[in-house]
C-alpha atoms as a PDB file:
ATOM      1  CA  MET A   1      52.280  98.567 103.892  1.00  0.00           C
ATOM      2  CA  GLU A   2      52.988  97.546 100.294  1.00  0.00           C
ATOM      3  CA  ASN A   3      56.646  97.374  99.351  1.00  0.00           C
ATOM      4  CA  LYS A   4      57.297  99.387  96.182  1.00  0.00           C
ATOM      5  CA  VAL A   5      61.083  99.569  96.553  1.00  0.00           C
ATOM      6  CA  LEU A   6      62.306  95.998  97.036  1.00  0.00           C
ATOM      7  CA  ASN A   7      61.881  93.239  94.487  1.00  0.00           C
ATOM      8  CA  ASP A   8      59.287  90.622  95.402  1.00  0.00           C
ATOM      9  CA  LYS A   9      62.114  88.094  95.421  1.00  0.00           C
ATOM     10  CA  SER A  10      65.836  88.781  95.570  1.00  0.00           C
ATOM     11  CA  PHE A  11      68.162  87.550  92.852  1.00  0.00           C
ATOM     12  CA  ASP A  12      71.493  86.087  93.954  1.00  0.00           C
ATOM     13  CA  VAL A  13      74.621  86.383  91.815  1.00  0.00           C
ATOM     14  CA  PHE A  14      78.376  86.477  92.284  1.00  0.00           C
ATOM     15  CA  VAL A  15      80.533  89.403  91.263  1.00  0.00           C
ATOM     16  CA  ILE A  16      84.236  89.348  90.469  1.00  0.00           C
ATOM     17  CA  VAL A  17      85.922  92.622  91.357  1.00  0.00           C
ATOM     18  CA  ALA A  18      89.325  92.772  89.648  1.00  0.00           C
ATOM     19  CA  GLU A  19      92.135  94.802  91.222  1.00  0.00           C
ATOM     20  CA  THR A  20      95.137  95.574  89.017  1.00  0.00           C
ATOM     21  CA  LEU A  21      98.510  94.478  90.400  1.00  0.00           C
ATOM     22  CA  GLU A  22     102.130  95.544  89.886  1.00  0.00           C
ATOM     23  CA  LYS A  23     102.673  92.856  87.204  1.00  0.00           C
ATOM     24  CA  TRP A  24     100.099  94.570  84.940  1.00  0.00           C
ATOM     25  CA  GLN A  25     101.258  94.985  81.352  1.00  0.00           C
ATOM     26  CA  ASN A  26      99.598  97.439  79.012  1.00  0.00           C
ATOM     27  CA  PRO A  27      97.700  95.776  76.132  1.00  0.00           C
ATOM     28  CA  SER A  28      99.888  97.811  73.751  1.00  0.00           C
ATOM     29  CA  SER A  29     102.800  95.537  74.761  1.00  0.00           C
ATOM     30  CA  GLU A  30     103.171  92.091  73.174  1.00  0.00           C
ATOM     31  CA  LYS A  31     102.600  90.227  76.478  1.00  0.00           C
ATOM     32  CA  GLY A  32      99.757  92.541  77.499  1.00  0.00           C
ATOM     33  CA  LYS A  33      97.972  92.031  74.174  1.00  0.00           C
ATOM     34  CA  SER A  34      98.421  88.261  74.371  1.00  0.00           C
ATOM     35  CA  VAL A  35      96.915  88.073  77.864  1.00  0.00           C
ATOM     36  CA  LEU A  36      94.080  90.453  76.891  1.00  0.00           C
ATOM     37  CA  LEU A  37      93.162  88.136  73.988  1.00  0.00           C
ATOM     38  CA  GLU A  38      93.219  85.155  76.387  1.00  0.00           C
ATOM     39  CA  HIS A  39      90.972  87.149  78.735  1.00  0.00           C
ATOM     40  CA  TYR A  40      88.500  87.765  75.886  1.00  0.00           C
ATOM     41  CA  ARG A  41      88.456  84.026  75.059  1.00  0.00           C
ATOM     42  CA  TRP A  42      87.783  83.287  78.754  1.00  0.00           C
ATOM     43  CA  GLY A  43      84.895  85.794  78.689  1.00  0.00           C
ATOM     44  CA  ALA A  44      83.546  84.231  75.487  1.00  0.00           C
ATOM     45  CA  GLU A  45      83.564  80.830  77.186  1.00  0.00           C
ATOM     46  CA  LEU A  46      81.632  82.254  80.164  1.00  0.00           C
ATOM     47  CA  LYS A  47      79.115  83.758  77.754  1.00  0.00           C
ATOM     48  CA  ALA A  48      78.759  80.580  75.681  1.00  0.00           C
ATOM     49  CA  LYS A  49      78.083  78.567  78.861  1.00  0.00           C
ATOM     50  CA  ASN A  50      75.436  81.077  80.027  1.00  0.00           C
ATOM     51  CA  LYS A  51      77.552  81.961  83.080  1.00  0.00           C
ATOM     52  CA  LEU A  52      78.066  85.634  82.208  1.00  0.00           C
ATOM     53  CA  ILE A  53      75.525  88.331  83.095  1.00  0.00           C
ATOM     54  CA  LEU A  54      77.715  91.364  82.448  1.00  0.00           C
ATOM     55  CA  ALA A  55      81.342  92.387  82.377  1.00  0.00           C
ATOM     56  CA  GLY A  56      83.461  95.369  81.602  1.00  0.00           C
ATOM     57  CA  PRO A  57      86.336  97.614  82.568  1.00  0.00           C
ATOM     58  CA  THR A  58      85.966 100.292  85.216  1.00  0.00           C
ATOM     59  CA  ASN A  59      87.451 103.779  85.059  1.00  0.00           C
ATOM     60  CA  PHE A  60      88.435 103.034  81.465  1.00  0.00           C
ATOM     61  CA  GLU A  61      88.241 106.690  80.436  1.00  0.00           C
ATOM     62  CA  LEU A  62      90.645 107.629  83.245  1.00  0.00           C
ATOM     63  CA  ILE A  63      93.095 104.791  82.644  1.00  0.00           C
ATOM     64  CA  SER A  64      93.113 105.025  78.834  1.00  0.00           C
ATOM     65  CA  THR A  65      93.940 108.751  79.002  1.00  0.00           C
ATOM     66  CA  ASN A  66      96.624 108.184  81.693  1.00  0.00           C
ATOM     67  CA  MET A  67      94.675 110.255  84.230  1.00  0.00           C
ATOM     68  CA  ILE A  68      95.176 107.431  86.744  1.00  0.00           C
ATOM     69  CA  ASP A  69      97.609 104.539  86.974  1.00  0.00           C
ATOM     70  CA  PRO A  70      95.636 101.257  87.008  1.00  0.00           C
ATOM     71  CA  ILE A  71      97.868  99.667  89.674  1.00  0.00           C
ATOM     72  CA  GLY A  72      95.910  99.226  92.900  1.00  0.00           C
ATOM     73  CA  HIS A  73      92.598 100.198  91.319  1.00  0.00           C
ATOM     74  CA  THR A  74      89.546  98.130  90.515  1.00  0.00           C
ATOM     75  CA  THR A  75      89.712  97.872  86.733  1.00  0.00           C
ATOM     76  CA  GLY A  76      87.053  95.289  85.973  1.00  0.00           C
ATOM     77  CA  ILE A  77      83.743  93.921  87.205  1.00  0.00           C
ATOM     78  CA  ILE A  78      82.234  90.626  86.083  1.00  0.00           C
ATOM     79  CA  MET A  79      78.801  89.432  87.207  1.00  0.00           C
ATOM     80  CA  LEU A  80      78.303  85.674  87.063  1.00  0.00           C
ATOM     81  CA  ASN A  81      75.280  83.412  86.784  1.00  0.00           C
ATOM     82  CA  VAL A  82      76.667  80.445  88.741  1.00  0.00           C
ATOM     83  CA  SER A  83      75.267  78.140  91.391  1.00  0.00           C
ATOM     84  CA  SER A  84      77.836  78.599  94.162  1.00  0.00           C
ATOM     85  CA  ARG A  85      80.697  80.683  95.526  1.00  0.00           C
ATOM     86  CA  GLU A  86      83.028  77.770  94.774  1.00  0.00           C
ATOM     87  CA  GLU A  87      82.068  77.843  91.086  1.00  0.00           C
ATOM     88  CA  ALA A  88      82.510  81.626  90.997  1.00  0.00           C
ATOM     89  CA  VAL A  89      85.986  81.289  92.545  1.00  0.00           C
ATOM     90  CA  GLU A  90      86.906  78.596  89.996  1.00  0.00           C
ATOM     91  CA  TRP A  91      85.964  80.913  87.131  1.00  0.00           C
ATOM     92  CA  ALA A  92      87.726  83.870  88.741  1.00  0.00           C
ATOM     93  CA  GLU A  93      90.927  81.851  89.069  1.00  0.00           C
ATOM     94  CA  LYS A  94      90.750  80.808  85.387  1.00  0.00           C
ATOM     95  CA  ASP A  95      90.799  84.426  84.195  1.00  0.00           C
ATOM     96  CA  PRO A  96      94.113  84.925  82.357  1.00  0.00           C
ATOM     97  CA  PHE A  97      94.562  88.372  83.941  1.00  0.00           C
ATOM     98  CA  HIS A  98      94.409  86.653  87.338  1.00  0.00           C
ATOM     99  CA  ARG A  99      96.545  83.628  86.331  1.00  0.00           C
ATOM    100  CA  HIS A 100      99.316  85.840  84.900  1.00  0.00           C
ATOM    101  CA  GLY A 101      99.336  88.039  88.016  1.00  0.00           C
ATOM    102  CA  PHE A 102      98.045  91.128  86.189  1.00  0.00           C
ATOM    103  CA  ARG A 103      94.997  91.369  88.436  1.00  0.00           C
ATOM    104  CA  ARG A 104      93.638  89.886  91.654  1.00  0.00           C
ATOM    105  CA  ASN A 105      90.080  88.657  91.230  1.00  0.00           C
ATOM    106  CA  ASN A 106      88.013  88.929  94.397  1.00  0.00           C
ATOM    107  CA  VAL A 107      84.647  87.140  94.470  1.00  0.00           C
ATOM    108  CA  HIS A 108      81.671  88.707  96.241  1.00  0.00           C
ATOM    109  CA  SER A 109      78.086  87.536  96.586  1.00  0.00           C
ATOM    110  CA  LEU A 110      75.427  90.052  95.607  1.00  0.00           C
ATOM    111  CA  LYS A 111      71.784  89.821  96.590  1.00  0.00           C
ATOM    112  CA  ILE A 112      69.996  91.991  94.059  1.00  0.00           C
ATOM    113  CA  SER A 113      67.053  93.204  96.094  1.00  0.00           C
ATOM    114  CA  MET A 114      66.289  96.463  94.290  1.00  0.00           C
ATOM    115  CA  THR A 115      66.237  96.920  90.540  1.00  0.00           C
ATOM    116  CA  ASP A 116      64.077  98.034  87.694  1.00  0.00           C
ATOM    117  CA  ASN A 117      61.453  95.358  86.920  1.00  0.00           C
ATOM    118  CA  PHE A 118      62.675  95.019  83.331  1.00  0.00           C
ATOM    119  CA  ILE A 119      66.183  94.216  84.550  1.00  0.00           C
ATOM    120  CA  LEU A 120      64.909  91.787  87.179  1.00  0.00           C
ATOM    121  CA  GLU A 121      62.767  89.953  84.617  1.00  0.00           C
ATOM    122  CA  SER A 122      65.724  89.786  82.235  1.00  0.00           C
ATOM    123  CA  LEU A 123      67.979  88.397  84.971  1.00  0.00           C
ATOM    124  CA  GLN A 124      65.382  85.789  85.908  1.00  0.00           C
ATOM    125  CA  LYS A 125      65.195  84.655  82.273  1.00  0.00           C
ATOM    126  CA  ILE A 126      68.970  84.241  82.218  1.00  0.00           C
ATOM    127  CA  LYS A 127      68.960  82.330  85.488  1.00  0.00           C
ATOM    128  CA  TYR A 128      66.295  79.851  84.492  1.00  0.00           C
ATOM    129  CA  GLU A 129      67.080  79.251  80.800  1.00  0.00           C
END
């Protein structure tokens, strides 16, 4: 039977799932804005070194309109193009949100075994550039 669901070959990445902690400070505060700008510089470094596949906030529409308190929620996901769990953990620990105790970055491996072919081809280009 021909497999039309799974990719011919899986694609392995690491994902940082960021949980917001009690020390979180809103980016409208001076400290919160400072750490957010550091976080953006950290993300720019990941991108410049071809380590970043995608990143972004989660539940932003709920948090930004005060429908939910971010504390205890996953508020960010970052997918990395790195060679090992150890490297992913190193990057996760460098994130200013994590270093300042605003968020806890948890690293997970992800075996991408099902995806649109266009996305898989794009990921493979990133991985082997």
